[in-house]
Amino acid sequence: MSQRPDPEGEFTAHRALLFSIAYEILGSVADAEDVVQDSYLRWRSVSHTSVENARAYLAKIVTRQALGVLRSATRRREQYVGPWLPEPLATDAVGEAPDGIDHVLTGEAVTTAMLLLLEALTPTQRAVFVLREVFAFEYPEIAAAVGKSEAAVRQLNQRARASVRAKRHAAVATPAQAGPVAERLLLAAATGDVQGLMDVLAPDVVFLGDGGGLVSTALRPVTGPDKVARLLLGLLAKGARMGELDIRLGTYNGMHSVAVLVDGVLDQLTSIEVRDGAVTHLYCVRNPEKLTAVKF
């Protein structure tokens, strides 16, 4: 006697994977959650007796929904005020979800650096790259998910990999490797030590601030140890003038991160990227719409 399909159980079993696929394609926690919810409704309407591989079928549903959202988002991002950064995703020291949102993203795949590299790809290239390089789906499964031939998918992935490889530099340090460097940066910032900050910042360090036009932040990348050090101290001083500061540490997108709350309200979350023993990028999200899902 054949086993009856269990659509609810199948969806629950793959939910973390589905969220992770959507987040990697979109770079937004809120949009990824919406895509997963919409995919669940579509999954319920499927004739499950005809589904041979629930994982691949669910991935196809999520990928197509995410692609639709990404194409609309790409047009909106062209008019975005200042740098656009991915929405922070909580991870623990090894890149896994500590609590709240369940996901399976680990390692370099979840870093802000990688997500920004994926922004340079076309929507379809990005989906193909994510499914193949991050989640190791087979080419026939990817072809079904994006509505292309297997040969076309192979070519899309080859081009996407070449694009990512050309822009990728030294690997981002793991949270364990980056810990001592991040602690030096935080100590120098907390004590107003400009030279101490400059000593831990790479010569080509870049600060990116995302306010989305809703709150003030640097509208262009800030580069160089001196400028970045003084900007960091200025941001802390500005926050202190606004109210009581509460600084908390966490791990977001696989990197040590500093959350600054002003009078109990999250004002900014800055992720610290470390490569070769120095801070190379600081990603500061101040856009309040991107901070609603941040949990401590």
C-alpha atoms as a PDB file:
ATOM      1  CA  MET A   1       0.000   0.000   0.000  1.00  0.00           C
ATOM      2  CA  SER A   2       1.527   3.315  -1.108  1.00  0.00           C
ATOM      3  CA  GLN A   3       2.084   6.009   1.487  1.00  0.00           C
ATOM      4  CA  ARG A   4      -0.258   8.979   1.280  1.00  0.00           C
ATOM      5  CA  PRO A   5       1.378  12.361   0.557  1.00  0.00           C
ATOM      6  CA  ASP A   6       1.958  14.602   3.559  1.00  0.00           C
ATOM      7  CA  PRO A   7       2.102  18.108   2.045  1.00  0.00           C
ATOM      8  CA  GLU A   8       2.120  19.886   5.417  1.00  0.00           C
ATOM      9  CA  GLY A   9       4.944  17.729   6.708  1.00  0.00           C
ATOM     10  CA  GLU A  10       6.959  18.136   3.499  1.00  0.00           C
ATOM     11  CA  PHE A  11       6.649  21.895   3.602  1.00  0.00           C
ATOM     12  CA  THR A  12       7.614  22.075   7.266  1.00  0.00           C
ATOM     13  CA  ALA A  13      10.613  19.822   6.668  1.00  0.00           C
ATOM     14  CA  HIS A  14      11.919  22.107   3.915  1.00  0.00           C
ATOM     15  CA  ARG A  15      10.830  25.480   5.271  1.00  0.00           C
ATOM     16  CA  ALA A  16      14.294  26.519   6.504  1.00  0.00           C
ATOM     17  CA  LEU A  17      15.789  25.678   3.105  1.00  0.00           C
ATOM     18  CA  LEU A  18      13.049  27.591   1.296  1.00  0.00           C
ATOM     19  CA  PHE A  19      13.589  30.695   3.408  1.00  0.00           C
ATOM     20  CA  SER A  20      17.331  30.476   2.776  1.00  0.00           C
ATOM     21  CA  ILE A  21      16.861  30.250  -1.000  1.00  0.00           C
ATOM     22  CA  ALA A  22      14.523  33.247  -0.974  1.00  0.00           C
ATOM     23  CA  TYR A  23      16.864  35.293   1.234  1.00  0.00           C
ATOM     24  CA  GLU A  24      19.914  34.557  -0.917  1.00  0.00           C
ATOM     25  CA  ILE A  25      18.004  35.648  -4.025  1.00  0.00           C
ATOM     26  CA  LEU A  26      16.435  38.734  -2.431  1.00  0.00           C
ATOM     27  CA  GLY A  27      18.714  39.895   0.401  1.00  0.00           C
ATOM     28  CA  SER A  28      15.631  40.768   2.442  1.00  0.00           C
ATOM     29  CA  VAL A  29      14.288  38.925   5.468  1.00  0.00           C
ATOM     30  CA  ALA A  30      10.816  40.440   5.128  1.00  0.00           C
ATOM     31  CA  ASP A  31      10.544  39.688   1.404  1.00  0.00           C
ATOM     32  CA  ALA A  32      11.874  36.162   1.922  1.00  0.00           C
ATOM     33  CA  GLU A  33       9.242  35.475   4.581  1.00  0.00           C
ATOM     34  CA  ASP A  34       6.519  36.789   2.256  1.00  0.00           C
ATOM     35  CA  VAL A  35       7.771  34.562  -0.562  1.00  0.00           C
ATOM     36  CA  VAL A  36       7.770  31.500   1.689  1.00  0.00           C
ATOM     37  CA  GLN A  37       4.230  32.219   2.845  1.00  0.00           C
ATOM     38  CA  ASP A  38       3.002  32.724  -0.714  1.00  0.00           C
ATOM     39  CA  SER A  39       4.796  29.537  -1.781  1.00  0.00           C
ATOM     40  CA  TYR A  40       3.026  27.622   0.963  1.00  0.00           C
ATOM     41  CA  LEU A  41      -0.357  28.725  -0.402  1.00  0.00           C
ATOM     42  CA  ARG A  42       0.681  27.635  -3.898  1.00  0.00           C
ATOM     43  CA  TRP A  43       1.995  24.317  -2.558  1.00  0.00           C
ATOM     44  CA  ARG A  44      -1.377  23.597  -0.949  1.00  0.00           C
ATOM     45  CA  SER A  45      -3.092  23.825  -4.347  1.00  0.00           C
ATOM     46  CA  VAL A  46      -0.729  21.320  -6.004  1.00  0.00           C
ATOM     47  CA  SER A  47      -1.777  17.741  -6.808  1.00  0.00           C
ATOM     48  CA  HIS A  48       0.742  16.160  -4.460  1.00  0.00           C
ATOM     49  CA  THR A  49       0.342  12.625  -5.778  1.00  0.00           C
ATOM     50  CA  SER A  50       2.119  13.754  -8.965  1.00  0.00           C
ATOM     51  CA  VAL A  51       5.102  15.289  -7.131  1.00  0.00           C
ATOM     52  CA  GLU A  52       8.085  12.925  -7.211  1.00  0.00           C
ATOM     53  CA  ASN A  53      10.611  15.162  -5.436  1.00  0.00           C
ATOM     54  CA  ALA A  54       9.063  17.562  -2.917  1.00  0.00           C
ATOM     55  CA  ARG A  55      12.361  19.357  -2.217  1.00  0.00           C
ATOM     56  CA  ALA A  56      12.959  20.205  -5.865  1.00  0.00           C
ATOM     57  CA  TYR A  57       9.322  21.100  -6.474  1.00  0.00           C
ATOM     58  CA  LEU A  58       9.172  23.425  -3.468  1.00  0.00           C
ATOM     59  CA  ALA A  59      12.458  25.021  -4.509  1.00  0.00           C
ATOM     60  CA  LYS A  60      10.953  25.675  -7.940  1.00  0.00           C
ATOM     61  CA  ILE A  61       7.924  27.395  -6.426  1.00  0.00           C
ATOM     62  CA  VAL A  62      10.047  29.565  -4.119  1.00  0.00           C
ATOM     63  CA  THR A  63      12.568  30.433  -6.838  1.00  0.00           C
ATOM     64  CA  ARG A  64       9.890  31.590  -9.265  1.00  0.00           C
ATOM     65  CA  GLN A  65       8.175  33.665  -6.598  1.00  0.00           C
ATOM     66  CA  ALA A  66      11.481  35.178  -5.492  1.00  0.00           C
ATOM     67  CA  LEU A  67      12.443  36.015  -9.081  1.00  0.00           C
ATOM     68  CA  GLY A  68       9.213  37.932  -9.537  1.00  0.00           C
ATOM     69  CA  VAL A  69       9.874  39.934  -6.373  1.00  0.00           C
ATOM     70  CA  LEU A  70      13.538  40.503  -7.298  1.00  0.00           C
ATOM     71  CA  ARG A  71      12.711  41.913 -10.731  1.00  0.00           C
ATOM     72  CA  SER A  72      10.420  44.477  -9.124  1.00  0.00           C
ATOM     73  CA  ALA A  73      12.949  45.190  -6.374  1.00  0.00           C
ATOM     74  CA  THR A  74      15.737  45.715  -8.917  1.00  0.00           C
ATOM     75  CA  ARG A  75      13.796  48.561 -10.487  1.00  0.00           C
ATOM     76  CA  ARG A  76      13.162  50.124  -7.070  1.00  0.00           C
ATOM     77  CA  ARG A  77      16.814  49.826  -6.074  1.00  0.00           C
ATOM     78  CA  GLU A  78      17.813  51.908  -9.083  1.00  0.00           C
ATOM     79  CA  GLN A  79      16.136  54.867  -7.331  1.00  0.00           C
ATOM     80  CA  TYR A  80      17.376  53.916  -3.847  1.00  0.00           C
ATOM     81  CA  VAL A  81      18.844  56.832  -1.871  1.00  0.00           C
ATOM     82  CA  GLY A  82      22.477  56.062  -1.020  1.00  0.00           C
ATOM     83  CA  PRO A  83      24.073  52.599  -0.805  1.00  0.00           C
ATOM     84  CA  TRP A  84      21.740  49.595  -0.627  1.00  0.00           C
ATOM     85  CA  LEU A  85      22.634  46.876   1.875  1.00  0.00           C
ATOM     86  CA  PRO A  86      20.992  43.502   2.508  1.00  0.00           C
ATOM     87  CA  GLU A  87      18.656  43.221   5.464  1.00  0.00           C
ATOM     88  CA  PRO A  88      20.595  41.839   8.477  1.00  0.00           C
ATOM     89  CA  LEU A  89      20.079  38.130   9.125  1.00  0.00           C
ATOM     90  CA  ALA A  90      20.945  36.799  12.574  1.00  0.00           C
ATOM     91  CA  THR A  91      23.472  33.969  12.736  1.00  0.00           C
ATOM     92  CA  ASP A  92      25.488  32.506  15.569  1.00  0.00           C
ATOM     93  CA  ALA A  93      29.258  32.171  15.694  1.00  0.00           C
ATOM     94  CA  VAL A  94      29.271  29.374  13.111  1.00  0.00           C
ATOM     95  CA  GLY A  95      26.754  30.982  10.789  1.00  0.00           C
ATOM     96  CA  GLU A  96      23.629  29.130  11.873  1.00  0.00           C
ATOM     97  CA  ALA A  97      20.301  30.579  13.005  1.00  0.00           C
ATOM     98  CA  PRO A  98      20.377  31.094  16.796  1.00  0.00           C
ATOM     99  CA  ASP A  99      16.623  31.502  17.215  1.00  0.00           C
ATOM    100  CA  GLY A 100      13.621  33.154  15.622  1.00  0.00           C
ATOM    101  CA  ILE A 101      13.901  32.709  11.859  1.00  0.00           C
ATOM    102  CA  ASP A 102      15.047  29.210  10.895  1.00  0.00           C
ATOM    103  CA  HIS A 103      17.483  29.003   7.999  1.00  0.00           C
ATOM    104  CA  VAL A 104      20.317  26.829   6.776  1.00  0.00           C
ATOM    105  CA  LEU A 105      22.711  29.484   5.479  1.00  0.00           C
ATOM    106  CA  THR A 106      26.282  29.142   6.710  1.00  0.00           C
ATOM    107  CA  GLY A 107      29.765  30.363   5.900  1.00  0.00           C
ATOM    108  CA  GLU A 108      30.620  32.828   3.144  1.00  0.00           C
ATOM    109  CA  ALA A 109      27.245  32.426   1.446  1.00  0.00           C
ATOM    110  CA  VAL A 110      25.474  34.472   4.106  1.00  0.00           C
ATOM    111  CA  THR A 111      27.973  37.339   4.342  1.00  0.00           C
ATOM    112  CA  THR A 112      27.031  40.828   3.237  1.00  0.00           C
ATOM    113  CA  ALA A 113      30.071  40.802   0.943  1.00  0.00           C
ATOM    114  CA  MET A 114      28.730  37.813  -0.988  1.00  0.00           C
ATOM    115  CA  LEU A 115      25.186  39.168  -1.136  1.00  0.00           C
ATOM    116  CA  LEU A 116      26.504  42.416  -2.613  1.00  0.00           C
ATOM    117  CA  LEU A 117      28.471  40.467  -5.225  1.00  0.00           C
ATOM    118  CA  LEU A 118      25.237  38.706  -6.190  1.00  0.00           C
ATOM    119  CA  GLU A 119      23.606  42.110  -6.730  1.00  0.00           C
ATOM    120  CA  ALA A 120      25.769  42.498  -9.853  1.00  0.00           C
ATOM    121  CA  LEU A 121      24.156  39.441 -11.479  1.00  0.00           C
ATOM    122  CA  THR A 122      20.961  39.391 -13.481  1.00  0.00           C
ATOM    123  CA  PRO A 123      17.980  37.992 -11.543  1.00  0.00           C
ATOM    124  CA  THR A 124      18.109  34.668 -13.409  1.00  0.00           C
ATOM    125  CA  GLN A 125      21.899  34.389 -13.045  1.00  0.00           C
ATOM    126  CA  ARG A 126      21.545  35.022  -9.339  1.00  0.00           C
ATOM    127  CA  ALA A 127      18.880  32.353  -8.910  1.00  0.00           C
ATOM    128  CA  VAL A 128      20.926  29.816 -10.868  1.00  0.00           C
ATOM    129  CA  PHE A 129      24.102  30.609  -8.925  1.00  0.00           C
ATOM    130  CA  VAL A 130      22.314  30.372  -5.573  1.00  0.00           C
ATOM    131  CA  LEU A 131      20.633  27.062  -6.366  1.00  0.00           C
ATOM    132  CA  ARG A 132      23.802  25.482  -7.762  1.00  0.00           C
ATOM    133  CA  GLU A 133      26.715  26.973  -5.814  1.00  0.00           C
ATOM    134  CA  VAL A 134      25.055  27.528  -2.435  1.00  0.00           C
ATOM    135  CA  PHE A 135      22.499  24.712  -2.253  1.00  0.00           C
ATOM    136  CA  ALA A 136      23.972  22.172  -4.729  1.00  0.00           C
ATOM    137  CA  PHE A 137      20.805  21.518  -6.724  1.00  0.00           C
ATOM    138  CA  GLU A 138      21.246  19.460  -9.874  1.00  0.00           C
ATOM    139  CA  TYR A 139      21.119  21.229 -13.231  1.00  0.00           C
ATOM    140  CA  PRO A 140      17.843  19.591 -14.360  1.00  0.00           C
ATOM    141  CA  GLU A 141      16.196  20.763 -11.113  1.00  0.00           C
ATOM    142  CA  ILE A 142      17.519  24.289 -11.613  1.00  0.00           C
ATOM    143  CA  ALA A 143      16.353  24.326 -15.223  1.00  0.00           C
ATOM    144  CA  ALA A 144      12.819  23.468 -14.078  1.00  0.00           C
ATOM    145  CA  ALA A 145      12.972  26.139 -11.379  1.00  0.00           C
ATOM    146  CA  VAL A 146      13.958  29.019 -13.679  1.00  0.00           C
ATOM    147  CA  GLY A 147      12.189  27.850 -16.839  1.00  0.00           C
ATOM    148  CA  LYS A 148      15.346  27.471 -18.958  1.00  0.00           C
ATOM    149  CA  SER A 149      17.020  24.579 -20.746  1.00  0.00           C
ATOM    150  CA  GLU A 150      19.721  22.662 -18.915  1.00  0.00           C
ATOM    151  CA  ALA A 151      22.321  23.924 -21.391  1.00  0.00           C
ATOM    152  CA  ALA A 152      21.238  27.520 -20.810  1.00  0.00           C
ATOM    153  CA  VAL A 153      21.397  27.036 -17.035  1.00  0.00           C
ATOM    154  CA  ARG A 154      24.942  25.680 -17.245  1.00  0.00           C
ATOM    155  CA  GLN A 155      25.995  28.718 -19.258  1.00  0.00           C
ATOM    156  CA  LEU A 156      24.250  31.109 -16.859  1.00  0.00           C
ATOM    157  CA  ASN A 157      26.026  29.542 -13.903  1.00  0.00           C
ATOM    158  CA  GLN A 158      29.385  29.659 -15.673  1.00  0.00           C
ATOM    159  CA  ARG A 159      28.983  33.391 -16.301  1.00  0.00           C
ATOM    160  CA  ALA A 160      27.758  34.026 -12.767  1.00  0.00           C
ATOM    161  CA  ARG A 161      30.709  32.166 -11.262  1.00  0.00           C
ATOM    162  CA  ALA A 162      33.133  34.121 -13.449  1.00  0.00           C
ATOM    163  CA  SER A 163      31.558  37.410 -12.350  1.00  0.00           C
ATOM    164  CA  VAL A 164      31.712  36.501  -8.656  1.00  0.00           C
ATOM    165  CA  ARG A 165      35.258  35.153  -8.930  1.00  0.00           C
ATOM    166  CA  ALA A 166      36.498  38.319 -10.653  1.00  0.00           C
ATOM    167  CA  LYS A 167      35.187  40.538  -7.844  1.00  0.00           C
ATOM    168  CA  ARG A 168      35.928  38.291  -4.852  1.00  0.00           C
ATOM    169  CA  HIS A 169      39.099  39.038  -2.930  1.00  0.00           C
ATOM    170  CA  ALA A 170      40.481  37.281   0.158  1.00  0.00           C
ATOM    171  CA  ALA A 171      37.929  35.219   2.027  1.00  0.00           C
ATOM    172  CA  VAL A 172      35.991  36.924   4.795  1.00  0.00           C
ATOM    173  CA  ALA A 173      37.237  35.800   8.211  1.00  0.00           C
ATOM    174  CA  THR A 174      34.975  33.552  10.237  1.00  0.00           C
ATOM    175  CA  PRO A 175      33.502  35.034  13.429  1.00  0.00           C
ATOM    176  CA  ALA A 176      36.069  33.093  15.477  1.00  0.00           C
ATOM    177  CA  GLN A 177      38.959  34.439  13.382  1.00  0.00           C
ATOM    178  CA  ALA A 178      37.556  37.974  13.334  1.00  0.00           C
ATOM    179  CA  GLY A 179      36.806  38.151  17.069  1.00  0.00           C
ATOM    180  CA  PRO A 180      40.066  39.708  18.335  1.00  0.00           C
ATOM    181  CA  VAL A 181      40.090  42.285  15.520  1.00  0.00           C
ATOM    182  CA  ALA A 182      36.462  43.260  16.156  1.00  0.00           C
ATOM    183  CA  GLU A 183      37.147  43.591  19.887  1.00  0.00           C
ATOM    184  CA  ARG A 184      40.058  45.967  19.233  1.00  0.00           C
ATOM    185  CA  LEU A 185      37.842  48.076  17.006  1.00  0.00           C
ATOM    186  CA  LEU A 186      35.069  48.244  19.589  1.00  0.00           C
ATOM    187  CA  LEU A 187      37.445  49.128  22.422  1.00  0.00           C
ATOM    188  CA  ALA A 188      38.991  51.942  20.388  1.00  0.00           C
ATOM    189  CA  ALA A 189      35.573  53.276  19.377  1.00  0.00           C
ATOM    190  CA  ALA A 190      34.247  53.137  22.946  1.00  0.00           C
ATOM    191  CA  THR A 191      37.245  55.061  24.304  1.00  0.00           C
ATOM    192  CA  GLY A 192      37.395  57.612  21.477  1.00  0.00           C
ATOM    193  CA  ASP A 193      40.829  56.374  20.400  1.00  0.00           C
ATOM    194  CA  VAL A 194      41.216  57.620  16.803  1.00  0.00           C
ATOM    195  CA  GLN A 195      44.698  56.150  16.352  1.00  0.00           C
ATOM    196  CA  GLY A 196      43.574  52.831  17.830  1.00  0.00           C
ATOM    197  CA  LEU A 197      40.773  52.708  15.290  1.00  0.00           C
ATOM    198  CA  MET A 198      43.085  53.561  12.413  1.00  0.00           C
ATOM    199  CA  ASP A 199      45.485  50.803  13.480  1.00  0.00           C
ATOM    200  CA  VAL A 200      42.811  48.115  13.111  1.00  0.00           C
ATOM    201  CA  LEU A 201      41.341  49.441   9.856  1.00  0.00           C
ATOM    202  CA  ALA A 202      42.741  48.235   6.532  1.00  0.00           C
ATOM    203  CA  PRO A 203      44.358  50.899   4.297  1.00  0.00           C
ATOM    204  CA  ASP A 204      41.490  50.528   1.818  1.00  0.00           C
ATOM    205  CA  VAL A 205      38.708  50.175   4.415  1.00  0.00           C
ATOM    206  CA  VAL A 206      35.231  51.144   3.200  1.00  0.00           C
ATOM    207  CA  PHE A 207      32.224  52.263   5.259  1.00  0.00           C
ATOM    208  CA  LEU A 208      28.811  51.768   3.667  1.00  0.00           C
ATOM    209  CA  GLY A 209      25.735  53.273   5.307  1.00  0.00           C
ATOM    210  CA  ASP A 210      22.165  52.382   4.378  1.00  0.00           C
ATOM    211  CA  GLY A 211      19.535  54.865   5.516  1.00  0.00           C
ATOM    212  CA  GLY A 212      17.236  54.357   2.540  1.00  0.00           C
ATOM    213  CA  GLY A 213      16.509  58.080   2.457  1.00  0.00           C
ATOM    214  CA  LEU A 214      14.548  57.685   5.701  1.00  0.00           C
ATOM    215  CA  VAL A 215      17.314  58.537   8.176  1.00  0.00           C
ATOM    216  CA  SER A 216      20.629  60.327   7.792  1.00  0.00           C
ATOM    217  CA  THR A 217      23.796  58.440   6.918  1.00  0.00           C
ATOM    218  CA  ALA A 218      26.699  58.755   4.488  1.00  0.00           C
ATOM    219  CA  LEU A 219      25.173  58.878   1.002  1.00  0.00           C
ATOM    220  CA  ARG A 220      28.387  57.635  -0.594  1.00  0.00           C
ATOM    221  CA  PRO A 221      30.988  55.078   0.465  1.00  0.00           C
ATOM    222  CA  VAL A 222      33.531  56.501   2.911  1.00  0.00           C
ATOM    223  CA  THR A 223      37.062  55.201   2.360  1.00  0.00           C
ATOM    224  CA  GLY A 224      40.360  55.314   4.203  1.00  0.00           C
ATOM    225  CA  PRO A 225      41.249  54.718   7.882  1.00  0.00           C
ATOM    226  CA  ASP A 226      41.247  58.381   8.940  1.00  0.00           C
ATOM    227  CA  LYS A 227      37.861  59.254   7.463  1.00  0.00           C
ATOM    228  CA  VAL A 228      36.223  56.014   8.598  1.00  0.00           C
ATOM    229  CA  ALA A 229      37.619  56.288  12.142  1.00  0.00           C
ATOM    230  CA  ARG A 230      36.322  59.832  12.560  1.00  0.00           C
ATOM    231  CA  LEU A 231      32.959  58.880  11.050  1.00  0.00           C
ATOM    232  CA  LEU A 232      32.525  56.022  13.538  1.00  0.00           C
ATOM    233  CA  LEU A 233      33.292  58.259  16.488  1.00  0.00           C
ATOM    234  CA  GLY A 234      30.974  60.928  15.113  1.00  0.00           C
ATOM    235  CA  LEU A 235      28.106  58.456  14.787  1.00  0.00           C
ATOM    236  CA  LEU A 236      28.514  57.317  18.389  1.00  0.00           C
ATOM    237  CA  ALA A 237      28.685  60.911  19.618  1.00  0.00           C
ATOM    238  CA  LYS A 238      25.563  61.795  17.640  1.00  0.00           C
ATOM    239  CA  GLY A 239      23.698  58.831  19.121  1.00  0.00           C
ATOM    240  CA  ALA A 240      24.736  59.841  22.624  1.00  0.00           C
ATOM    241  CA  ARG A 241      23.286  63.305  22.065  1.00  0.00           C
ATOM    242  CA  MET A 242      19.974  61.789  20.986  1.00  0.00           C
ATOM    243  CA  GLY A 243      19.455  59.741  24.144  1.00  0.00           C
ATOM    244  CA  GLU A 244      20.763  56.914  26.308  1.00  0.00           C
ATOM    245  CA  LEU A 245      22.981  54.550  24.348  1.00  0.00           C
ATOM    246  CA  ASP A 246      22.851  50.775  24.696  1.00  0.00           C
ATOM    247  CA  ILE A 247      25.477  48.923  22.650  1.00  0.00           C
ATOM    248  CA  ARG A 248      24.988  45.201  22.085  1.00  0.00           C
ATOM    249  CA  LEU A 249      27.093  42.647  20.240  1.00  0.00           C
ATOM    250  CA  GLY A 250      25.813  39.897  17.985  1.00  0.00           C
ATOM    251  CA  THR A 251      26.556  37.937  14.840  1.00  0.00           C
ATOM    252  CA  TYR A 252      24.689  38.898  11.680  1.00  0.00           C
ATOM    253  CA  ASN A 253      25.374  37.602   8.202  1.00  0.00           C
ATOM    254  CA  GLY A 254      28.228  35.553   9.596  1.00  0.00           C
ATOM    255  CA  MET A 255      30.095  38.615  10.924  1.00  0.00           C
ATOM    256  CA  HIS A 256      30.572  40.278  14.295  1.00  0.00           C
ATOM    257  CA  SER A 257      28.065  43.118  14.492  1.00  0.00           C
ATOM    258  CA  VAL A 258      27.349  46.051  16.776  1.00  0.00           C
ATOM    259  CA  ALA A 259      23.768  47.087  17.497  1.00  0.00           C
ATOM    260  CA  VAL A 260      23.281  50.608  18.839  1.00  0.00           C
ATOM    261  CA  LEU A 261      20.013  51.327  20.621  1.00  0.00           C
ATOM    262  CA  VAL A 262      18.983  54.867  21.550  1.00  0.00           C
ATOM    263  CA  ASP A 263      16.517  55.020  24.436  1.00  0.00           C
ATOM    264  CA  GLY A 264      15.733  51.351  23.853  1.00  0.00           C
ATOM    265  CA  VAL A 265      15.054  51.682  20.111  1.00  0.00           C
ATOM    266  CA  LEU A 266      17.402  50.061  17.592  1.00  0.00           C
ATOM    267  CA  ASP A 267      19.066  52.913  15.699  1.00  0.00           C
ATOM    268  CA  GLN A 268      21.704  51.085  13.675  1.00  0.00           C
ATOM    269  CA  LEU A 269      23.364  47.726  13.185  1.00  0.00           C
ATOM    270  CA  THR A 270      26.908  47.643  11.843  1.00  0.00           C
ATOM    271  CA  SER A 271      28.535  44.422  10.648  1.00  0.00           C
ATOM    272  CA  ILE A 272      32.332  44.235  10.766  1.00  0.00           C
ATOM    273  CA  GLU A 273      34.041  42.504   7.855  1.00  0.00           C
ATOM    274  CA  VAL A 274      37.562  41.248   8.562  1.00  0.00           C
ATOM    275  CA  ARG A 275      40.029  39.961   5.994  1.00  0.00           C
ATOM    276  CA  ASP A 276      43.703  39.152   6.586  1.00  0.00           C
ATOM    277  CA  GLY A 277      43.566  40.445  10.159  1.00  0.00           C
ATOM    278  CA  ALA A 278      42.176  43.917   9.437  1.00  0.00           C
ATOM    279  CA  VAL A 279      38.727  45.512   9.125  1.00  0.00           C
ATOM    280  CA  THR A 280      38.059  45.922   5.397  1.00  0.00           C
ATOM    281  CA  HIS A 281      34.382  46.907   5.366  1.00  0.00           C
ATOM    282  CA  LEU A 282      31.825  48.267   7.801  1.00  0.00           C
ATOM    283  CA  TYR A 283      28.202  47.750   6.781  1.00  0.00           C
ATOM    284  CA  CYS A 284      25.915  50.080   8.724  1.00  0.00           C
ATOM    285  CA  VAL A 285      22.172  49.564   8.331  1.00  0.00           C
ATOM    286  CA  ARG A 286      20.096  52.472   9.665  1.00  0.00           C
ATOM    287  CA  ASN A 287      17.052  52.121   7.401  1.00  0.00           C
ATOM    288  CA  PRO A 288      14.343  51.436  10.024  1.00  0.00           C
ATOM    289  CA  GLU A 289      12.429  49.243   7.575  1.00  0.00           C
ATOM    290  CA  LYS A 290      15.387  46.848   7.503  1.00  0.00           C
ATOM    291  CA  LEU A 291      15.750  46.671  11.281  1.00  0.00           C
ATOM    292  CA  THR A 292      12.272  45.438  12.189  1.00  0.00           C
ATOM    293  CA  ALA A 293      13.273  41.762  11.983  1.00  0.00           C
ATOM    294  CA  VAL A 294      16.454  42.175  14.059  1.00  0.00           C
ATOM    295  CA  LYS A 295      16.178  40.262  17.307  1.00  0.00           C
ATOM    296  CA  PHE A 296      18.554  39.998  20.260  1.00  0.00           C
END
